[in-house]
Amino acid sequence: HPHKREQILKYLTNDLEGQVRQTMDGIMETLKAAGASPKDVVHVFIFRARPRMGDIGKASAVVNSYFAPHNHKPTTTNLAVLELGEPEQLVEIQVVAVVD
């Protein structure tokens, strides 16, 4: 679904942890709309742009906080990349969920 850049940037935080939270909030909404729950997630891919020392732990801690209340810890791939879709974007997260 296309969005105008100005609309996206208006709500985008400029810190890694904030962007991870915003992204995970959107993922949780998408899971719910699909009839899935966090317990259905089997793998999480985290792509971090402009990585700094300690970022992997910060991003993982925020992501894990969304699964901890469900006593669930999906496998995770956490990668540093050169850039993402927008210059201000610090993180992209993809999840794989399996629903019976």
N, C-alpha and C. Protein backbone atom coordinates (compact mmCIF):
# COMPACT_ATOMS: atom_id res chain seq x y z
N HIS A 1 0.83 -1.17 0.00
CA HIS A 1 0.00 0.00 0.00
C HIS A 1 0.88 1.24 0.00
N PRO A 2 0.77 2.05 -1.01
CA PRO A 2 1.64 3.22 -1.13
C PRO A 2 1.30 4.31 -0.12
N HIS A 3 2.33 4.94 0.37
CA HIS A 3 2.18 6.08 1.27
C HIS A 3 3.05 7.21 0.75
N LYS A 4 2.65 8.43 1.04
CA LYS A 4 3.50 9.57 0.69
C LYS A 4 4.61 9.67 1.72
N ARG A 5 5.79 9.98 1.23
CA ARG A 5 6.97 10.07 2.09
C ARG A 5 6.73 10.99 3.28
N GLU A 6 6.09 12.12 3.07
CA GLU A 6 5.85 13.07 4.16
C GLU A 6 4.99 12.45 5.26
N GLN A 7 4.03 11.63 4.87
CA GLN A 7 3.16 10.99 5.86
C GLN A 7 3.94 10.00 6.71
N ILE A 8 4.84 9.27 6.07
CA ILE A 8 5.64 8.28 6.79
C ILE A 8 6.58 8.99 7.76
N LEU A 9 7.29 10.00 7.28
CA LEU A 9 8.29 10.68 8.10
C LEU A 9 7.67 11.43 9.27
N LYS A 10 6.42 11.83 9.14
CA LYS A 10 5.75 12.56 10.22
C LYS A 10 5.67 11.72 11.49
N TYR A 11 5.57 10.41 11.34
CA TYR A 11 5.40 9.53 12.49
C TYR A 11 6.64 8.71 12.82
N LEU A 12 7.65 8.76 11.98
CA LEU A 12 8.85 7.94 12.16
C LEU A 12 9.77 8.55 13.21
N THR A 13 10.09 7.78 14.24
CA THR A 13 11.05 8.26 15.24
C THR A 13 12.45 8.21 14.63
N ASN A 14 13.40 8.89 15.25
CA ASN A 14 14.75 8.92 14.70
C ASN A 14 15.73 8.07 15.49
N ASP A 15 15.22 7.15 16.33
CA ASP A 15 16.10 6.27 17.07
C ASP A 15 15.74 4.81 16.79
N LEU A 16 16.73 3.94 16.90
CA LEU A 16 16.54 2.53 16.57
C LEU A 16 15.44 1.88 17.39
N GLU A 17 15.50 2.03 18.70
CA GLU A 17 14.50 1.37 19.56
C GLU A 17 13.09 1.85 19.25
N GLY A 18 12.92 3.13 19.01
CA GLY A 18 11.61 3.67 18.66
C GLY A 18 11.10 3.10 17.35
N GLN A 19 11.97 3.02 16.36
CA GLN A 19 11.56 2.46 15.07
C GLN A 19 11.25 0.97 15.18
N VAL A 20 11.99 0.25 16.02
CA VAL A 20 11.69 -1.18 16.23
C VAL A 20 10.30 -1.31 16.85
N ARG A 21 10.00 -0.48 17.85
CA ARG A 21 8.67 -0.52 18.49
C ARG A 21 7.56 -0.22 17.48
N GLN A 22 7.75 0.84 16.69
CA GLN A 22 6.75 1.20 15.68
C GLN A 22 6.54 0.05 14.69
N THR A 23 7.62 -0.55 14.27
CA THR A 23 7.53 -1.65 13.31
C THR A 23 6.85 -2.86 13.93
N MET A 24 7.22 -3.20 15.16
CA MET A 24 6.60 -4.35 15.82
C MET A 24 5.13 -4.10 16.11
N ASP A 25 4.75 -2.87 16.44
CA ASP A 25 3.33 -2.56 16.63
C ASP A 25 2.56 -2.85 15.35
N GLY A 26 3.12 -2.45 14.22
CA GLY A 26 2.48 -2.71 12.93
C GLY A 26 2.40 -4.19 12.62
N ILE A 27 3.45 -4.92 12.96
CA ILE A 27 3.45 -6.37 12.74
C ILE A 27 2.39 -7.04 13.60
N MET A 28 2.26 -6.62 14.86
CA MET A 28 1.25 -7.21 15.74
C MET A 28 -0.16 -6.95 15.20
N GLU A 29 -0.39 -5.75 14.67
CA GLU A 29 -1.70 -5.44 14.07
C GLU A 29 -1.96 -6.32 12.85
N THR A 30 -0.93 -6.53 12.04
CA THR A 30 -1.07 -7.36 10.84
C THR A 30 -1.34 -8.81 11.22
N LEU A 31 -0.64 -9.32 12.22
CA LEU A 31 -0.89 -10.69 12.67
C LEU A 31 -2.33 -10.85 13.12
N LYS A 32 -2.80 -9.91 13.92
CA LYS A 32 -4.17 -9.97 14.43
C LYS A 32 -5.18 -9.94 13.28
N ALA A 33 -4.96 -9.06 12.32
CA ALA A 33 -5.87 -8.96 11.17
C ALA A 33 -5.90 -10.24 10.35
N ALA A 34 -4.80 -10.99 10.38
CA ALA A 34 -4.72 -12.25 9.63
C ALA A 34 -5.20 -13.44 10.46
N GLY A 35 -5.67 -13.18 11.67
CA GLY A 35 -6.13 -14.26 12.53
C GLY A 35 -5.00 -15.02 13.19
N ALA A 36 -3.85 -14.39 13.28
CA ALA A 36 -2.67 -15.01 13.89
C ALA A 36 -2.34 -14.28 15.19
N SER A 37 -1.42 -14.86 15.94
CA SER A 37 -0.96 -14.25 17.19
C SER A 37 0.56 -14.31 17.22
N PRO A 38 1.18 -13.62 18.17
CA PRO A 38 2.63 -13.69 18.28
C PRO A 38 3.15 -15.13 18.44
N LYS A 39 2.36 -16.00 19.04
CA LYS A 39 2.78 -17.40 19.20
C LYS A 39 2.89 -18.14 17.87
N ASP A 40 2.28 -17.60 16.82
CA ASP A 40 2.34 -18.23 15.50
C ASP A 40 3.60 -17.86 14.73
N VAL A 41 4.35 -16.89 15.23
CA VAL A 41 5.58 -16.45 14.55
C VAL A 41 6.67 -17.49 14.79
N VAL A 42 7.26 -17.96 13.68
CA VAL A 42 8.33 -18.96 13.79
C VAL A 42 9.71 -18.37 13.53
N HIS A 43 9.77 -17.23 12.84
CA HIS A 43 11.08 -16.61 12.59
C HIS A 43 10.92 -15.10 12.41
N VAL A 44 11.90 -14.37 12.89
CA VAL A 44 11.95 -12.91 12.77
C VAL A 44 13.26 -12.53 12.07
N PHE A 45 13.15 -11.72 11.03
CA PHE A 45 14.32 -11.16 10.35
C PHE A 45 14.39 -9.68 10.70
N ILE A 46 15.53 -9.25 11.26
CA ILE A 46 15.73 -7.84 11.61
C ILE A 46 16.89 -7.32 10.75
N PHE A 47 16.62 -6.28 9.99
CA PHE A 47 17.64 -5.65 9.16
C PHE A 47 17.89 -4.25 9.73
N ARG A 48 19.13 -3.98 10.16
CA ARG A 48 19.46 -2.69 10.77
C ARG A 48 20.40 -1.89 9.86
N ALA A 49 20.05 -0.65 9.58
CA ALA A 49 20.91 0.23 8.78
C ALA A 49 21.76 1.09 9.71
N ARG A 50 22.90 1.50 9.21
CA ARG A 50 23.84 2.33 9.98
C ARG A 50 24.07 1.78 11.39
N PRO A 51 24.48 0.52 11.48
CA PRO A 51 24.62 -0.12 12.79
C PRO A 51 25.75 0.49 13.63
N ARG A 52 25.51 0.48 14.93
CA ARG A 52 26.51 0.91 15.90
C ARG A 52 26.67 -0.20 16.93
N MET A 53 27.77 -0.18 17.64
CA MET A 53 28.02 -1.17 18.68
C MET A 53 26.86 -1.17 19.67
N GLY A 54 26.32 -2.33 19.96
CA GLY A 54 25.23 -2.45 20.92
C GLY A 54 23.85 -2.47 20.29
N ASP A 55 23.76 -2.10 19.01
CA ASP A 55 22.45 -2.06 18.35
C ASP A 55 21.78 -3.43 18.28
N ILE A 56 22.57 -4.47 18.07
CA ILE A 56 21.96 -5.80 17.94
C ILE A 56 21.22 -6.17 19.22
N GLY A 57 21.81 -5.86 20.37
CA GLY A 57 21.16 -6.15 21.65
C GLY A 57 19.93 -5.29 21.88
N LYS A 58 20.00 -4.01 21.50
CA LYS A 58 18.85 -3.11 21.68
C LYS A 58 17.67 -3.57 20.83
N ALA A 59 17.93 -3.85 19.56
CA ALA A 59 16.86 -4.28 18.65
C ALA A 59 16.26 -5.60 19.12
N SER A 60 17.11 -6.54 19.49
CA SER A 60 16.63 -7.85 19.94
C SER A 60 15.80 -7.74 21.20
N ALA A 61 16.21 -6.90 22.13
CA ALA A 61 15.47 -6.74 23.39
C ALA A 61 14.06 -6.22 23.13
N VAL A 62 13.93 -5.25 22.24
CA VAL A 62 12.60 -4.70 21.95
C VAL A 62 11.74 -5.76 21.26
N VAL A 63 12.30 -6.44 20.26
CA VAL A 63 11.55 -7.49 19.56
C VAL A 63 11.12 -8.58 20.54
N ASN A 64 12.03 -9.04 21.36
CA ASN A 64 11.71 -10.11 22.32
C ASN A 64 10.62 -9.69 23.29
N SER A 65 10.53 -8.40 23.61
CA SER A 65 9.51 -7.93 24.56
C SER A 65 8.09 -8.14 24.02
N TYR A 66 7.94 -8.26 22.73
CA TYR A 66 6.62 -8.49 22.13
C TYR A 66 6.21 -9.97 22.23
N PHE A 67 7.18 -10.85 22.39
CA PHE A 67 6.89 -12.28 22.46
C PHE A 67 6.92 -12.81 23.89
N ALA A 68 7.64 -12.14 24.78
CA ALA A 68 7.79 -12.60 26.17
C ALA A 68 6.46 -12.81 26.89
N PRO A 69 5.46 -11.90 26.74
CA PRO A 69 4.18 -12.12 27.44
C PRO A 69 3.48 -13.40 27.00
N HIS A 70 3.87 -13.92 25.84
CA HIS A 70 3.27 -15.14 25.31
C HIS A 70 4.16 -16.36 25.57
N ASN A 71 5.24 -16.14 26.36
CA ASN A 71 6.20 -17.19 26.66
C ASN A 71 6.68 -17.85 25.37
N HIS A 72 7.04 -17.03 24.40
CA HIS A 72 7.40 -17.51 23.07
C HIS A 72 8.66 -16.79 22.60
N LYS A 73 9.58 -17.52 22.00
CA LYS A 73 10.81 -16.92 21.48
C LYS A 73 11.11 -17.54 20.11
N PRO A 74 10.63 -16.89 19.04
CA PRO A 74 10.91 -17.42 17.70
C PRO A 74 12.39 -17.26 17.36
N THR A 75 12.86 -18.06 16.41
CA THR A 75 14.23 -17.90 15.95
C THR A 75 14.35 -16.53 15.29
N THR A 76 15.56 -15.98 15.34
CA THR A 76 15.77 -14.62 14.85
C THR A 76 17.05 -14.53 14.04
N THR A 77 16.99 -13.78 12.96
CA THR A 77 18.18 -13.40 12.20
C THR A 77 18.28 -11.89 12.30
N ASN A 78 19.42 -11.39 12.79
CA ASN A 78 19.62 -9.96 13.02
C ASN A 78 20.82 -9.52 12.18
N LEU A 79 20.57 -8.74 11.14
CA LEU A 79 21.62 -8.38 10.20
C LEU A 79 21.84 -6.87 10.12
N ALA A 80 23.10 -6.49 9.91
CA ALA A 80 23.44 -5.10 9.62
C ALA A 80 23.51 -4.95 8.10
N VAL A 81 22.88 -3.91 7.57
CA VAL A 81 22.88 -3.67 6.12
C VAL A 81 23.33 -2.23 5.86
N LEU A 82 23.75 -1.96 4.63
CA LEU A 82 24.23 -0.62 4.30
C LEU A 82 23.13 0.41 4.32
N GLU A 83 21.98 0.08 3.74
CA GLU A 83 20.87 1.03 3.72
C GLU A 83 19.56 0.30 3.52
N LEU A 84 18.47 1.01 3.82
CA LEU A 84 17.13 0.47 3.63
C LEU A 84 16.39 1.38 2.65
N GLY A 85 15.09 1.27 2.57
CA GLY A 85 14.31 1.98 1.57
C GLY A 85 14.31 3.49 1.65
N GLU A 86 14.43 4.04 2.85
CA GLU A 86 14.43 5.49 3.05
C GLU A 86 15.67 5.87 3.86
N PRO A 87 16.26 7.04 3.60
CA PRO A 87 17.46 7.44 4.34
C PRO A 87 17.25 7.48 5.86
N GLU A 88 16.04 7.83 6.31
CA GLU A 88 15.77 7.94 7.74
C GLU A 88 15.45 6.59 8.39
N GLN A 89 15.25 5.58 7.58
CA GLN A 89 14.85 4.26 8.08
C GLN A 89 16.05 3.54 8.69
N LEU A 90 15.92 3.15 9.95
CA LEU A 90 17.00 2.46 10.65
C LEU A 90 16.77 0.96 10.75
N VAL A 91 15.53 0.51 10.54
CA VAL A 91 15.24 -0.91 10.72
C VAL A 91 14.12 -1.36 9.79
N GLU A 92 14.22 -2.59 9.38
CA GLU A 92 13.13 -3.28 8.68
C GLU A 92 13.00 -4.64 9.35
N ILE A 93 11.79 -5.05 9.62
CA ILE A 93 11.56 -6.33 10.29
C ILE A 93 10.55 -7.12 9.48
N GLN A 94 10.87 -8.38 9.25
CA GLN A 94 9.95 -9.30 8.59
C GLN A 94 9.73 -10.48 9.52
N VAL A 95 8.52 -10.97 9.56
CA VAL A 95 8.25 -12.17 10.36
C VAL A 95 7.60 -13.23 9.48
N VAL A 96 7.85 -14.47 9.86
CA VAL A 96 7.19 -15.61 9.22
C VAL A 96 6.31 -16.24 10.29
N ALA A 97 5.02 -16.33 9.99
CA ALA A 97 4.07 -16.94 10.93
C ALA A 97 3.40 -18.12 10.26
N VAL A 98 3.13 -19.15 11.04
CA VAL A 98 2.44 -20.34 10.55
C VAL A 98 1.15 -20.48 11.33
N VAL A 99 0.04 -20.49 10.60
CA VAL A 99 -1.28 -20.61 11.22
C VAL A 99 -1.93 -21.89 10.71
N ASP A 100 -2.39 -22.71 11.63
CA ASP A 100 -3.07 -23.96 11.23
C ASP A 100 -4.50 -23.69 10.86
